[in-house]
Amino acid sequence: MSKKAPTDMSLTDSAADGLLQEAAGDWAVRVEAVTKTFTQWQRDHTGRGLIQNLLKPEKRIVTALDNLTFNVGKGEFVAYAGPNGAGKSTTMKVLSGMLLPTSGAVSVLSMSPQKERRALMRHVGVLFGNRTELWWDHPVIQSFEWKKAVWDIPDAVYQRNLRMVTGLLDIGDLLKTFARELSLGQRMRADLAMLLLHSPSLILLDEPTLGLDVTAKRQMIGFLKQLNEQNGTTIIVTSHDMDDLEEMARRILLLSRGRIAFDGDFDALRDTLACTKRAHVQFRDGTRKELEYRDTRALLGALSEMDGITDVRFTQTSLEEGLANLYAKWREAGP
């Protein structure tokens, strides 16, 4: 579970930001009371609406993040999940300095993404599953060499990391291939490799397994777990695939309407969602019985007292199903 430093809500954003920098020692990410709003101009292309657009255009304020607060420790692998529109991608963009919060304070690796973005990005890697930084009409290796030059990566560091990502991500045969000729899985591996060339200590991944086939997905997940476990790299990842998230991360933050609705491990999430466990028992006489249980020891005790059992099959409500039900309740509840 996340730890929280004491805060004074009367502080200005600037003062709060300074307080976070001082307290950021063991944290990779600290987000305190962050709100992000967007203005959406409304358009009506009917006859009367066109005149209204000119004389008095209508706008709507959308709150993407609402007093968002959470911390991520150094070396953690954290899943960041929630329904569409919950604010996941907005959070990633705020952490990387691509968006500025409307209010609140953010500290990433003891730096402010708002004020020290250039210095921060030398220690952070960002990957959005639907975008690429590879040069589309050039071989992959040219994109890598461009990053080495622009980011001023020391040659020894570049060569060491190039050897590492080439071997572990199996992209040796792709280095001389044009980016436009790569499959989605190949491009994702190449993008991840490029992201790692400068040895980031924090990685932000937004839907990194989006659209990947089973083989490419397994390769991506295995590499990220190894990177976290062996190098101590802090990773925050978003995905709609709960199986992927559960395999990768040890902690999950569940977002709803721009706020943290759950913070804990996956076992605790299952308990929160009341994911049902059932034992389907078949007897020698052909009858069947279904037992719902939470405690495995109690179930085994009950089964030991039954005669004529020929088969027992266990099922459990999946996280995907439990979350789908939860998201539906949130939608029904409204704003």
C-alpha atoms as a PDB file:
ATOM      1  CA  MET A   1       0.000   0.000   0.000  1.00  0.00           C
ATOM      2  CA  SER A   2       1.193   3.531  -0.662  1.00  0.00           C
ATOM      3  CA  LYS A   3       2.602   5.746   2.021  1.00  0.00           C
ATOM      4  CA  LYS A   4       1.510   9.356   2.306  1.00  0.00           C
ATOM      5  CA  ALA A   5       3.493  12.280   3.609  1.00  0.00           C
ATOM      6  CA  PRO A   6       1.624  14.842   5.684  1.00  0.00           C
ATOM      7  CA  THR A   7       0.378  17.697   3.551  1.00  0.00           C
ATOM      8  CA  ASP A   8      -0.947  21.186   4.233  1.00  0.00           C
ATOM      9  CA  MET A   9      -3.844  21.762   1.838  1.00  0.00           C
ATOM     10  CA  SER A  10      -3.487  25.526   2.328  1.00  0.00           C
ATOM     11  CA  LEU A  11      -0.115  25.493   0.578  1.00  0.00           C
ATOM     12  CA  THR A  12       0.164  27.030  -2.873  1.00  0.00           C
ATOM     13  CA  ASP A  13       0.944  24.630  -5.741  1.00  0.00           C
ATOM     14  CA  SER A  14       4.485  25.999  -5.839  1.00  0.00           C
ATOM     15  CA  ALA A  15       5.057  25.473  -2.125  1.00  0.00           C
ATOM     16  CA  ALA A  16       3.483  22.015  -2.240  1.00  0.00           C
ATOM     17  CA  ASP A  17       5.733  21.118  -5.156  1.00  0.00           C
ATOM     18  CA  GLY A  18       8.769  22.168  -3.131  1.00  0.00           C
ATOM     19  CA  LEU A  19       7.593  20.086  -0.167  1.00  0.00           C
ATOM     20  CA  LEU A  20       7.277  17.022  -2.400  1.00  0.00           C
ATOM     21  CA  GLN A  21      10.794  17.452  -3.746  1.00  0.00           C
ATOM     22  CA  GLU A  22      12.176  17.516  -0.195  1.00  0.00           C
ATOM     23  CA  ALA A  23      10.244  14.405   0.853  1.00  0.00           C
ATOM     24  CA  ALA A  24      10.800  12.404  -2.340  1.00  0.00           C
ATOM     25  CA  GLY A  25      13.844  10.392  -1.172  1.00  0.00           C
ATOM     26  CA  ASP A  26      12.583   6.796  -1.384  1.00  0.00           C
ATOM     27  CA  TRP A  27       9.865   7.529  -3.910  1.00  0.00           C
ATOM     28  CA  ALA A  28      10.061   7.299  -7.676  1.00  0.00           C
ATOM     29  CA  VAL A  29       6.720   9.072  -8.085  1.00  0.00           C
ATOM     30  CA  ARG A  30       4.735  11.303  -5.738  1.00  0.00           C
ATOM     31  CA  VAL A  31       1.410  12.784  -6.841  1.00  0.00           C
ATOM     32  CA  GLU A  32      -0.393  15.055  -4.411  1.00  0.00           C
ATOM     33  CA  ALA A  33      -3.899  16.471  -4.964  1.00  0.00           C
ATOM     34  CA  VAL A  34      -3.466  16.737  -8.731  1.00  0.00           C
ATOM     35  CA  THR A  35      -6.383  17.993 -10.785  1.00  0.00           C
ATOM     36  CA  LYS A  36      -6.342  18.282 -14.575  1.00  0.00           C
ATOM     37  CA  THR A  37      -9.192  19.899 -16.477  1.00  0.00           C
ATOM     38  CA  PHE A  38      -9.720  20.403 -20.206  1.00  0.00           C
ATOM     39  CA  THR A  39     -11.948  22.827 -22.068  1.00  0.00           C
ATOM     40  CA  GLN A  40     -14.071  21.335 -24.824  1.00  0.00           C
ATOM     41  CA  TRP A  41     -15.732  23.738 -27.227  1.00  0.00           C
ATOM     42  CA  GLN A  42     -19.187  22.523 -28.224  1.00  0.00           C
ATOM     43  CA  ARG A  43     -20.173  22.647 -31.897  1.00  0.00           C
ATOM     44  CA  ASP A  44     -23.615  22.599 -33.501  1.00  0.00           C
ATOM     45  CA  HIS A  45     -23.688  22.558 -37.295  1.00  0.00           C
ATOM     46  CA  THR A  46     -27.419  23.178 -37.647  1.00  0.00           C
ATOM     47  CA  GLY A  47     -28.576  26.550 -38.996  1.00  0.00           C
ATOM     48  CA  ARG A  48     -29.282  28.136 -35.619  1.00  0.00           C
ATOM     49  CA  GLY A  49     -26.291  26.399 -34.086  1.00  0.00           C
ATOM     50  CA  LEU A  50     -23.869  27.951 -36.597  1.00  0.00           C
ATOM     51  CA  ILE A  51     -24.973  31.436 -35.567  1.00  0.00           C
ATOM     52  CA  GLN A  52     -24.754  30.474 -31.886  1.00  0.00           C
ATOM     53  CA  ASN A  53     -21.181  29.240 -32.439  1.00  0.00           C
ATOM     54  CA  LEU A  54     -20.224  32.665 -33.794  1.00  0.00           C
ATOM     55  CA  LEU A  55     -22.042  34.863 -31.281  1.00  0.00           C
ATOM     56  CA  LYS A  56     -21.699  32.902 -28.062  1.00  0.00           C
ATOM     57  CA  PRO A  57     -19.653  29.708 -28.392  1.00  0.00           C
ATOM     58  CA  GLU A  58     -20.436  27.108 -25.749  1.00  0.00           C
ATOM     59  CA  LYS A  59     -17.714  25.336 -23.816  1.00  0.00           C
ATOM     60  CA  ARG A  60     -17.660  22.423 -21.407  1.00  0.00           C
ATOM     61  CA  ILE A  61     -15.098  21.802 -18.658  1.00  0.00           C
ATOM     62  CA  VAL A  62     -13.976  18.175 -18.435  1.00  0.00           C
ATOM     63  CA  THR A  63     -12.184  16.970 -15.309  1.00  0.00           C
ATOM     64  CA  ALA A  64      -9.741  14.210 -16.280  1.00  0.00           C
ATOM     65  CA  LEU A  65      -7.946  14.010 -12.905  1.00  0.00           C
ATOM     66  CA  ASP A  66      -9.736  14.978  -9.709  1.00  0.00           C
ATOM     67  CA  ASN A  67      -7.592  15.572  -6.605  1.00  0.00           C
ATOM     68  CA  LEU A  68      -5.474  12.536  -7.558  1.00  0.00           C
ATOM     69  CA  THR A  69      -3.018  11.362  -4.883  1.00  0.00           C
ATOM     70  CA  PHE A  70      -0.681   8.347  -4.888  1.00  0.00           C
ATOM     71  CA  ASN A  71       2.959   7.353  -4.409  1.00  0.00           C
ATOM     72  CA  VAL A  72       5.165   4.764  -6.111  1.00  0.00           C
ATOM     73  CA  GLY A  73       8.338   3.550  -4.418  1.00  0.00           C
ATOM     74  CA  LYS A  74      11.624   3.035  -6.220  1.00  0.00           C
ATOM     75  CA  GLY A  75      11.840  -0.445  -7.722  1.00  0.00           C
ATOM     76  CA  GLU A  76       8.071  -1.062  -7.689  1.00  0.00           C
ATOM     77  CA  PHE A  77       6.181  -2.602 -10.621  1.00  0.00           C
ATOM     78  CA  VAL A  78       2.742  -1.003 -10.509  1.00  0.00           C
ATOM     79  CA  ALA A  79      -0.330  -1.630 -12.644  1.00  0.00           C
ATOM     80  CA  TYR A  80      -2.469   1.428 -13.349  1.00  0.00           C
ATOM     81  CA  ALA A  81      -5.952   0.409 -14.466  1.00  0.00           C
ATOM     82  CA  GLY A  82      -9.464   1.700 -14.921  1.00  0.00           C
ATOM     83  CA  PRO A  83     -12.256   2.035 -17.478  1.00  0.00           C
ATOM     84  CA  ASN A  84     -11.955   4.172 -20.601  1.00  0.00           C
ATOM     85  CA  GLY A  85     -11.913   7.842 -19.693  1.00  0.00           C
ATOM     86  CA  ALA A  86     -10.776   7.227 -16.105  1.00  0.00           C
ATOM     87  CA  GLY A  87      -7.630   9.341 -16.576  1.00  0.00           C
ATOM     88  CA  LYS A  88      -4.888   6.731 -17.101  1.00  0.00           C
ATOM     89  CA  SER A  89      -3.247   8.253 -20.170  1.00  0.00           C
ATOM     90  CA  THR A  90      -3.648  11.753 -18.745  1.00  0.00           C
ATOM     91  CA  THR A  91      -1.739  10.646 -15.643  1.00  0.00           C
ATOM     92  CA  MET A  92       1.086   9.233 -17.773  1.00  0.00           C
ATOM     93  CA  LYS A  93       1.332  12.490 -19.691  1.00  0.00           C
ATOM     94  CA  VAL A  94       1.393  14.544 -16.482  1.00  0.00           C
ATOM     95  CA  LEU A  95       4.150  12.339 -15.017  1.00  0.00           C
ATOM     96  CA  SER A  96       6.262  12.721 -18.150  1.00  0.00           C
ATOM     97  CA  GLY A  97       5.706  16.477 -18.401  1.00  0.00           C
ATOM     98  CA  MET A  98       3.689  16.261 -21.629  1.00  0.00           C
ATOM     99  CA  LEU A  99       0.728  17.840 -19.818  1.00  0.00           C
ATOM    100  CA  LEU A 100       0.741  20.327 -16.963  1.00  0.00           C
ATOM    101  CA  PRO A 101      -1.661  19.756 -14.064  1.00  0.00           C
ATOM    102  CA  THR A 102      -4.286  22.411 -13.454  1.00  0.00           C
ATOM    103  CA  SER A 103      -3.460  22.219  -9.742  1.00  0.00           C
ATOM    104  CA  GLY A 104      -1.557  20.011  -7.318  1.00  0.00           C
ATOM    105  CA  ALA A 105       2.051  18.859  -7.131  1.00  0.00           C
ATOM    106  CA  VAL A 106       4.012  16.117  -8.903  1.00  0.00           C
ATOM    107  CA  SER A 107       7.483  14.787  -8.152  1.00  0.00           C
ATOM    108  CA  VAL A 108       9.134  12.202 -10.415  1.00  0.00           C
ATOM    109  CA  LEU A 109      12.577  10.966  -9.378  1.00  0.00           C
ATOM    110  CA  SER A 110      12.780  13.999  -7.061  1.00  0.00           C
ATOM    111  CA  MET A 111      12.251  16.360 -10.008  1.00  0.00           C
ATOM    112  CA  SER A 112       9.322  18.419 -11.203  1.00  0.00           C
ATOM    113  CA  PRO A 113       8.031  17.365 -14.650  1.00  0.00           C
ATOM    114  CA  GLN A 114       6.766  20.927 -15.064  1.00  0.00           C
ATOM    115  CA  LYS A 115      10.056  22.688 -14.354  1.00  0.00           C
ATOM    116  CA  GLU A 116      12.765  20.096 -15.018  1.00  0.00           C
ATOM    117  CA  ARG A 117      11.351  18.075 -17.908  1.00  0.00           C
ATOM    118  CA  ARG A 118      14.528  18.001 -19.977  1.00  0.00           C
ATOM    119  CA  ALA A 119      16.652  16.767 -17.072  1.00  0.00           C
ATOM    120  CA  LEU A 120      13.933  14.329 -15.982  1.00  0.00           C
ATOM    121  CA  MET A 121      13.578  12.666 -19.370  1.00  0.00           C
ATOM    122  CA  ARG A 122      17.220  11.570 -19.206  1.00  0.00           C
ATOM    123  CA  HIS A 123      16.101   9.182 -16.468  1.00  0.00           C
ATOM    124  CA  VAL A 124      12.616   8.253 -17.702  1.00  0.00           C
ATOM    125  CA  GLY A 125      11.420   6.096 -20.586  1.00  0.00           C
ATOM    126  CA  VAL A 126       7.905   6.501 -22.004  1.00  0.00           C
ATOM    127  CA  LEU A 127       6.090   4.174 -24.400  1.00  0.00           C
ATOM    128  CA  PHE A 128       2.563   4.618 -25.728  1.00  0.00           C
ATOM    129  CA  GLY A 129       1.250   1.484 -27.412  1.00  0.00           C
ATOM    130  CA  ASN A 130      -0.351   3.344 -30.306  1.00  0.00           C
ATOM    131  CA  ARG A 131       2.652   5.565 -31.126  1.00  0.00           C
ATOM    132  CA  THR A 132       6.226   5.098 -32.254  1.00  0.00           C
ATOM    133  CA  GLU A 133       9.425   7.149 -32.097  1.00  0.00           C
ATOM    134  CA  LEU A 134      11.062   5.116 -34.847  1.00  0.00           C
ATOM    135  CA  TRP A 135      11.813   6.877 -38.129  1.00  0.00           C
ATOM    136  CA  TRP A 136       9.232   5.374 -40.446  1.00  0.00           C
ATOM    137  CA  ASP A 137      11.329   5.389 -43.646  1.00  0.00           C
ATOM    138  CA  HIS A 138      14.675   4.404 -42.126  1.00  0.00           C
ATOM    139  CA  PRO A 139      16.206   1.226 -40.733  1.00  0.00           C
ATOM    140  CA  VAL A 140      15.652   0.727 -36.990  1.00  0.00           C
ATOM    141  CA  ILE A 141      19.352   1.118 -36.190  1.00  0.00           C
ATOM    142  CA  GLN A 142      19.316   4.671 -37.596  1.00  0.00           C
ATOM    143  CA  SER A 143      16.636   5.646 -35.086  1.00  0.00           C
ATOM    144  CA  PHE A 144      18.804   4.175 -32.342  1.00  0.00           C
ATOM    145  CA  GLU A 145      21.880   6.079 -33.532  1.00  0.00           C
ATOM    146  CA  TRP A 146      19.856   9.283 -33.819  1.00  0.00           C
ATOM    147  CA  LYS A 147      18.823   8.935 -30.170  1.00  0.00           C
ATOM    148  CA  LYS A 148      22.426   8.285 -29.138  1.00  0.00           C
ATOM    149  CA  ALA A 149      23.531  11.509 -30.816  1.00  0.00           C
ATOM    150  CA  VAL A 150      20.644  13.760 -29.743  1.00  0.00           C
ATOM    151  CA  TRP A 151      20.539  12.472 -26.175  1.00  0.00           C
ATOM    152  CA  ASP A 152      24.341  12.503 -25.962  1.00  0.00           C
ATOM    153  CA  ILE A 153      24.429   8.922 -24.651  1.00  0.00           C
ATOM    154  CA  PRO A 154      28.046   7.893 -23.892  1.00  0.00           C
ATOM    155  CA  ASP A 155      29.292   5.338 -26.389  1.00  0.00           C
ATOM    156  CA  ALA A 156      30.059   2.719 -23.717  1.00  0.00           C
ATOM    157  CA  VAL A 157      26.536   3.015 -22.281  1.00  0.00           C
ATOM    158  CA  TYR A 158      24.956   2.913 -25.747  1.00  0.00           C
ATOM    159  CA  GLN A 159      26.903  -0.152 -26.870  1.00  0.00           C
ATOM    160  CA  ARG A 160      26.196  -2.009 -23.611  1.00  0.00           C
ATOM    161  CA  ASN A 161      22.472  -1.287 -23.772  1.00  0.00           C
ATOM    162  CA  LEU A 162      22.302  -2.049 -27.487  1.00  0.00           C
ATOM    163  CA  ARG A 163      23.777  -5.490 -26.883  1.00  0.00           C
ATOM    164  CA  MET A 164      21.363  -6.070 -23.999  1.00  0.00           C
ATOM    165  CA  VAL A 165      18.159  -5.113 -25.821  1.00  0.00           C
ATOM    166  CA  THR A 166      19.230  -6.806 -29.045  1.00  0.00           C
ATOM    167  CA  GLY A 167      19.687 -10.107 -27.241  1.00  0.00           C
ATOM    168  CA  LEU A 168      16.840 -10.004 -24.741  1.00  0.00           C
ATOM    169  CA  LEU A 169      14.239  -8.594 -27.127  1.00  0.00           C
ATOM    170  CA  ASP A 170      15.454 -10.647 -30.090  1.00  0.00           C
ATOM    171  CA  ILE A 171      15.680  -7.716 -32.496  1.00  0.00           C
ATOM    172  CA  GLY A 172      19.040  -8.508 -34.115  1.00  0.00           C
ATOM    173  CA  ASP A 173      17.358  -9.319 -37.443  1.00  0.00           C
ATOM    174  CA  LEU A 174      15.295  -6.122 -37.267  1.00  0.00           C
ATOM    175  CA  LEU A 175      18.037  -3.530 -36.911  1.00  0.00           C
ATOM    176  CA  LYS A 176      18.480  -3.075 -40.670  1.00  0.00           C
ATOM    177  CA  THR A 177      14.757  -3.278 -41.429  1.00  0.00           C
ATOM    178  CA  PHE A 178      12.727  -0.162 -42.229  1.00  0.00           C
ATOM    179  CA  ALA A 179      10.313   0.692 -39.414  1.00  0.00           C
ATOM    180  CA  ARG A 180       7.377   0.772 -41.854  1.00  0.00           C
ATOM    181  CA  GLU A 181       8.035  -2.896 -42.709  1.00  0.00           C
ATOM    182  CA  LEU A 182       7.804  -4.148 -39.114  1.00  0.00           C
ATOM    183  CA  SER A 183       4.812  -6.023 -37.758  1.00  0.00           C
ATOM    184  CA  LEU A 184       3.113  -4.506 -34.712  1.00  0.00           C
ATOM    185  CA  GLY A 185       4.884  -6.911 -32.358  1.00  0.00           C
ATOM    186  CA  GLN A 186       8.266  -6.212 -33.957  1.00  0.00           C
ATOM    187  CA  ARG A 187       7.694  -2.464 -33.791  1.00  0.00           C
ATOM    188  CA  MET A 188       6.729  -2.628 -30.120  1.00  0.00           C
ATOM    189  CA  ARG A 189       9.908  -4.550 -29.319  1.00  0.00           C
ATOM    190  CA  ALA A 190      11.987  -2.045 -31.287  1.00  0.00           C
ATOM    191  CA  ASP A 191      10.284   0.885 -29.551  1.00  0.00           C
ATOM    192  CA  LEU A 192      10.913  -0.683 -26.142  1.00  0.00           C
ATOM    193  CA  ALA A 193      14.552  -1.247 -27.076  1.00  0.00           C
ATOM    194  CA  MET A 194      14.920   2.383 -28.128  1.00  0.00           C
ATOM    195  CA  LEU A 195      13.318   3.513 -24.884  1.00  0.00           C
ATOM    196  CA  LEU A 196      15.993   1.650 -22.888  1.00  0.00           C
ATOM    197  CA  LEU A 197      19.096   2.918 -24.670  1.00  0.00           C
ATOM    198  CA  HIS A 198      19.695   5.693 -22.115  1.00  0.00           C
ATOM    199  CA  SER A 199      19.249   3.403 -19.048  1.00  0.00           C
ATOM    200  CA  PRO A 200      16.056   4.931 -17.592  1.00  0.00           C
ATOM    201  CA  SER A 201      15.393   4.240 -13.918  1.00  0.00           C
ATOM    202  CA  LEU A 202      11.625   4.786 -14.385  1.00  0.00           C
ATOM    203  CA  ILE A 203       9.515   3.440 -17.249  1.00  0.00           C
ATOM    204  CA  LEU A 204       5.972   4.596 -18.047  1.00  0.00           C
ATOM    205  CA  LEU A 205       4.097   2.212 -20.353  1.00  0.00           C
ATOM    206  CA  ASP A 206       0.654   2.991 -21.740  1.00  0.00           C
ATOM    207  CA  GLU A 207      -0.949  -0.147 -23.257  1.00  0.00           C
ATOM    208  CA  PRO A 208       2.392  -1.772 -24.268  1.00  0.00           C
ATOM    209  CA  THR A 209       0.746  -5.110 -25.185  1.00  0.00           C
ATOM    210  CA  LEU A 210      -2.045  -3.536 -27.252  1.00  0.00           C
ATOM    211  CA  GLY A 211      -2.707  -5.637 -30.352  1.00  0.00           C
ATOM    212  CA  LEU A 212       0.183  -8.047 -29.785  1.00  0.00           C
ATOM    213  CA  ASP A 213      -0.182 -11.735 -30.555  1.00  0.00           C
ATOM    214  CA  VAL A 214       0.415 -14.317 -27.822  1.00  0.00           C
ATOM    215  CA  THR A 215       4.104 -14.852 -28.647  1.00  0.00           C
ATOM    216  CA  ALA A 216       4.959 -11.144 -28.812  1.00  0.00           C
ATOM    217  CA  LYS A 217       3.002 -10.473 -25.633  1.00  0.00           C
ATOM    218  CA  ARG A 218       4.814 -13.217 -23.707  1.00  0.00           C
ATOM    219  CA  GLN A 219       8.167 -11.843 -24.860  1.00  0.00           C
ATOM    220  CA  MET A 220       7.252  -8.298 -23.841  1.00  0.00           C
ATOM    221  CA  ILE A 221       5.969  -9.311 -20.397  1.00  0.00           C
ATOM    222  CA  GLY A 222       8.951 -11.555 -19.666  1.00  0.00           C
ATOM    223  CA  PHE A 223      11.407  -8.819 -20.550  1.00  0.00           C
ATOM    224  CA  LEU A 224       9.674  -6.195 -18.395  1.00  0.00           C
ATOM    225  CA  LYS A 225       9.587  -8.519 -15.391  1.00  0.00           C
ATOM    226  CA  GLN A 226      13.283  -9.276 -15.799  1.00  0.00           C
ATOM    227  CA  LEU A 227      14.093  -5.586 -16.118  1.00  0.00           C
ATOM    228  CA  ASN A 228      12.266  -4.848 -12.882  1.00  0.00           C
ATOM    229  CA  GLU A 229      13.587  -7.811 -10.899  1.00  0.00           C
ATOM    230  CA  GLN A 230      17.229  -7.724 -11.995  1.00  0.00           C
ATOM    231  CA  ASN A 231      17.822  -4.014 -12.595  1.00  0.00           C
ATOM    232  CA  GLY A 232      15.404  -2.587 -10.026  1.00  0.00           C
ATOM    233  CA  THR A 233      13.791  -0.424 -12.694  1.00  0.00           C
ATOM    234  CA  THR A 234      10.575   1.211 -11.523  1.00  0.00           C
ATOM    235  CA  ILE A 235       7.723   0.469 -13.934  1.00  0.00           C
ATOM    236  CA  ILE A 236       4.194   1.856 -14.137  1.00  0.00           C
ATOM    237  CA  VAL A 237       2.023   0.192 -16.772  1.00  0.00           C
ATOM    238  CA  THR A 238      -1.540   0.676 -17.986  1.00  0.00           C
ATOM    239  CA  SER A 239      -3.579  -1.971 -19.779  1.00  0.00           C
ATOM    240  CA  HIS A 240      -7.144  -3.194 -20.170  1.00  0.00           C
ATOM    241  CA  ASP A 241      -5.885  -6.785 -20.030  1.00  0.00           C
ATOM    242  CA  MET A 242      -6.040  -7.738 -16.360  1.00  0.00           C
ATOM    243  CA  ASP A 243      -4.296 -11.076 -16.940  1.00  0.00           C
ATOM    244  CA  ASP A 244      -1.290  -9.205 -18.323  1.00  0.00           C
ATOM    245  CA  LEU A 245      -1.267  -6.750 -15.439  1.00  0.00           C
ATOM    246  CA  GLU A 246      -1.577  -9.469 -12.800  1.00  0.00           C
ATOM    247  CA  GLU A 247       1.332 -11.386 -14.292  1.00  0.00           C
ATOM    248  CA  MET A 248       3.568  -8.330 -14.479  1.00  0.00           C
ATOM    249  CA  ALA A 249       2.824  -6.163 -11.457  1.00  0.00           C
ATOM    250  CA  ARG A 250       2.681  -6.778  -7.723  1.00  0.00           C
ATOM    251  CA  ARG A 251       0.492  -3.769  -6.936  1.00  0.00           C
ATOM    252  CA  ILE A 252      -2.485  -2.269  -8.724  1.00  0.00           C
ATOM    253  CA  LEU A 253      -3.932   1.228  -8.599  1.00  0.00           C
ATOM    254  CA  LEU A 254      -7.524   1.301  -9.832  1.00  0.00           C
ATOM    255  CA  LEU A 255      -8.701   4.634 -11.176  1.00  0.00           C
ATOM    256  CA  SER A 256     -12.279   5.901 -11.341  1.00  0.00           C
ATOM    257  CA  ARG A 257     -13.243   9.355 -12.616  1.00  0.00           C
ATOM    258  CA  GLY A 258      -9.751  10.680 -12.066  1.00  0.00           C
ATOM    259  CA  ARG A 259      -9.364   9.389  -8.495  1.00  0.00           C
ATOM    260  CA  ILE A 260      -7.775   6.318  -6.926  1.00  0.00           C
ATOM    261  CA  ALA A 261     -10.587   3.866  -6.107  1.00  0.00           C
ATOM    262  CA  PHE A 262      -8.322   0.992  -5.014  1.00  0.00           C
ATOM    263  CA  ASP A 263      -4.651   0.599  -4.038  1.00  0.00           C
ATOM    264  CA  GLY A 264      -3.325  -2.839  -3.113  1.00  0.00           C
ATOM    265  CA  ASP A 265      -2.274  -6.239  -4.423  1.00  0.00           C
ATOM    266  CA  PHE A 266      -4.299  -8.467  -6.729  1.00  0.00           C
ATOM    267  CA  ASP A 267      -5.442 -10.832  -3.972  1.00  0.00           C
ATOM    268  CA  ALA A 268      -6.909  -7.890  -2.092  1.00  0.00           C
ATOM    269  CA  LEU A 269      -8.561  -6.720  -5.306  1.00  0.00           C
ATOM    270  CA  ARG A 270     -10.193 -10.120  -5.760  1.00  0.00           C
ATOM    271  CA  ASP A 271     -11.515  -9.908  -2.209  1.00  0.00           C
ATOM    272  CA  THR A 272     -12.813  -6.399  -2.835  1.00  0.00           C
ATOM    273  CA  LEU A 273     -14.565  -7.519  -6.000  1.00  0.00           C
ATOM    274  CA  ALA A 274     -15.917 -10.595  -4.178  1.00  0.00           C
ATOM    275  CA  CYS A 275     -14.640 -12.828  -6.949  1.00  0.00           C
ATOM    276  CA  THR A 276     -16.563 -16.053  -6.311  1.00  0.00           C
ATOM    277  CA  LYS A 277     -14.745 -19.382  -5.918  1.00  0.00           C
ATOM    278  CA  ARG A 278     -16.730 -22.538  -6.645  1.00  0.00           C
ATOM    279  CA  ALA A 279     -16.063 -26.263  -6.406  1.00  0.00           C
ATOM    280  CA  HIS A 280     -18.087 -28.371  -8.848  1.00  0.00           C
ATOM    281  CA  VAL A 281     -18.385 -31.868  -7.345  1.00  0.00           C
ATOM    282  CA  GLN A 282     -19.496 -34.944  -9.276  1.00  0.00           C
ATOM    283  CA  PHE A 283     -20.595 -38.145  -7.504  1.00  0.00           C
ATOM    284  CA  ARG A 284     -20.584 -41.800  -8.477  1.00  0.00           C
ATOM    285  CA  ASP A 285     -24.367 -41.899  -8.858  1.00  0.00           C
ATOM    286  CA  GLY A 286     -24.213 -39.144 -11.467  1.00  0.00           C
ATOM    287  CA  THR A 287     -25.415 -36.317  -9.221  1.00  0.00           C
ATOM    288  CA  ARG A 288     -23.572 -33.029  -9.046  1.00  0.00           C
ATOM    289  CA  LYS A 289     -23.161 -30.405  -6.357  1.00  0.00           C
ATOM    290  CA  GLU A 290     -21.778 -26.877  -6.464  1.00  0.00           C
ATOM    291  CA  LEU A 291     -20.032 -25.427  -3.416  1.00  0.00           C
ATOM    292  CA  GLU A 292     -19.193 -21.754  -3.063  1.00  0.00           C
ATOM    293  CA  TYR A 293     -16.221 -21.100  -0.782  1.00  0.00           C
ATOM    294  CA  ARG A 294     -13.661 -18.544   0.347  1.00  0.00           C
ATOM    295  CA  ASP A 295     -11.496 -20.657   2.671  1.00  0.00           C
ATOM    296  CA  THR A 296      -9.710 -23.560   0.944  1.00  0.00           C
ATOM    297  CA  ARG A 297      -9.072 -25.438   4.192  1.00  0.00           C
ATOM    298  CA  ALA A 298     -12.758 -25.369   5.099  1.00  0.00           C
ATOM    299  CA  LEU A 299     -13.645 -26.603   1.612  1.00  0.00           C
ATOM    300  CA  LEU A 300     -11.245 -29.553   1.860  1.00  0.00           C
ATOM    301  CA  GLY A 301     -12.773 -30.441   5.208  1.00  0.00           C
ATOM    302  CA  ALA A 302     -16.252 -30.433   3.694  1.00  0.00           C
ATOM    303  CA  LEU A 303     -15.153 -32.553   0.722  1.00  0.00           C
ATOM    304  CA  SER A 304     -13.500 -35.124   2.992  1.00  0.00           C
ATOM    305  CA  GLU A 305     -16.868 -35.818   4.615  1.00  0.00           C
ATOM    306  CA  MET A 306     -18.601 -36.554   1.293  1.00  0.00           C
ATOM    307  CA  ASP A 307     -18.790 -40.116  -0.051  1.00  0.00           C
ATOM    308  CA  GLY A 308     -18.724 -41.242  -3.662  1.00  0.00           C
ATOM    309  CA  ILE A 309     -16.876 -38.260  -5.158  1.00  0.00           C
ATOM    310  CA  THR A 310     -15.509 -39.055  -8.629  1.00  0.00           C
ATOM    311  CA  ASP A 311     -14.403 -35.607  -9.765  1.00  0.00           C
ATOM    312  CA  VAL A 312     -13.948 -32.063  -8.455  1.00  0.00           C
ATOM    313  CA  ARG A 313     -13.539 -29.046 -10.715  1.00  0.00           C
ATOM    314  CA  PHE A 314     -12.688 -25.557  -9.444  1.00  0.00           C
ATOM    315  CA  THR A 315     -13.728 -22.266 -11.024  1.00  0.00           C
ATOM    316  CA  GLN A 316     -13.418 -18.649 -10.012  1.00  0.00           C
ATOM    317  CA  THR A 317     -14.883 -15.391 -11.232  1.00  0.00           C
ATOM    318  CA  SER A 318     -12.133 -13.746 -13.260  1.00  0.00           C
ATOM    319  CA  LEU A 319     -10.765 -10.301 -12.457  1.00  0.00           C
ATOM    320  CA  GLU A 320     -11.949  -9.185 -15.893  1.00  0.00           C
ATOM    321  CA  GLU A 321     -15.520 -10.217 -15.058  1.00  0.00           C
ATOM    322  CA  GLY A 322     -15.380  -8.697 -11.592  1.00  0.00           C
ATOM    323  CA  LEU A 323     -14.031  -5.403 -12.913  1.00  0.00           C
ATOM    324  CA  ALA A 324     -16.555  -5.325 -15.747  1.00  0.00           C
ATOM    325  CA  ASN A 325     -19.328  -5.557 -13.148  1.00  0.00           C
ATOM    326  CA  LEU A 326     -17.669  -2.858 -11.048  1.00  0.00           C
ATOM    327  CA  TYR A 327     -17.224  -0.515 -14.024  1.00  0.00           C
ATOM    328  CA  ALA A 328     -20.888  -1.020 -14.926  1.00  0.00           C
ATOM    329  CA  LYS A 329     -21.902   0.023 -11.394  1.00  0.00           C
ATOM    330  CA  TRP A 330     -19.709   3.095 -11.633  1.00  0.00           C
ATOM    331  CA  ARG A 331     -21.343   4.079 -14.934  1.00  0.00           C
ATOM    332  CA  GLU A 332     -24.815   3.627 -13.456  1.00  0.00           C
ATOM    333  CA  ALA A 333     -23.872   5.732 -10.451  1.00  0.00           C
ATOM    334  CA  GLY A 334     -23.047   8.641 -12.742  1.00  0.00           C
ATOM    335  CA  PRO A 335     -20.857  11.650 -11.850  1.00  0.00           C
END
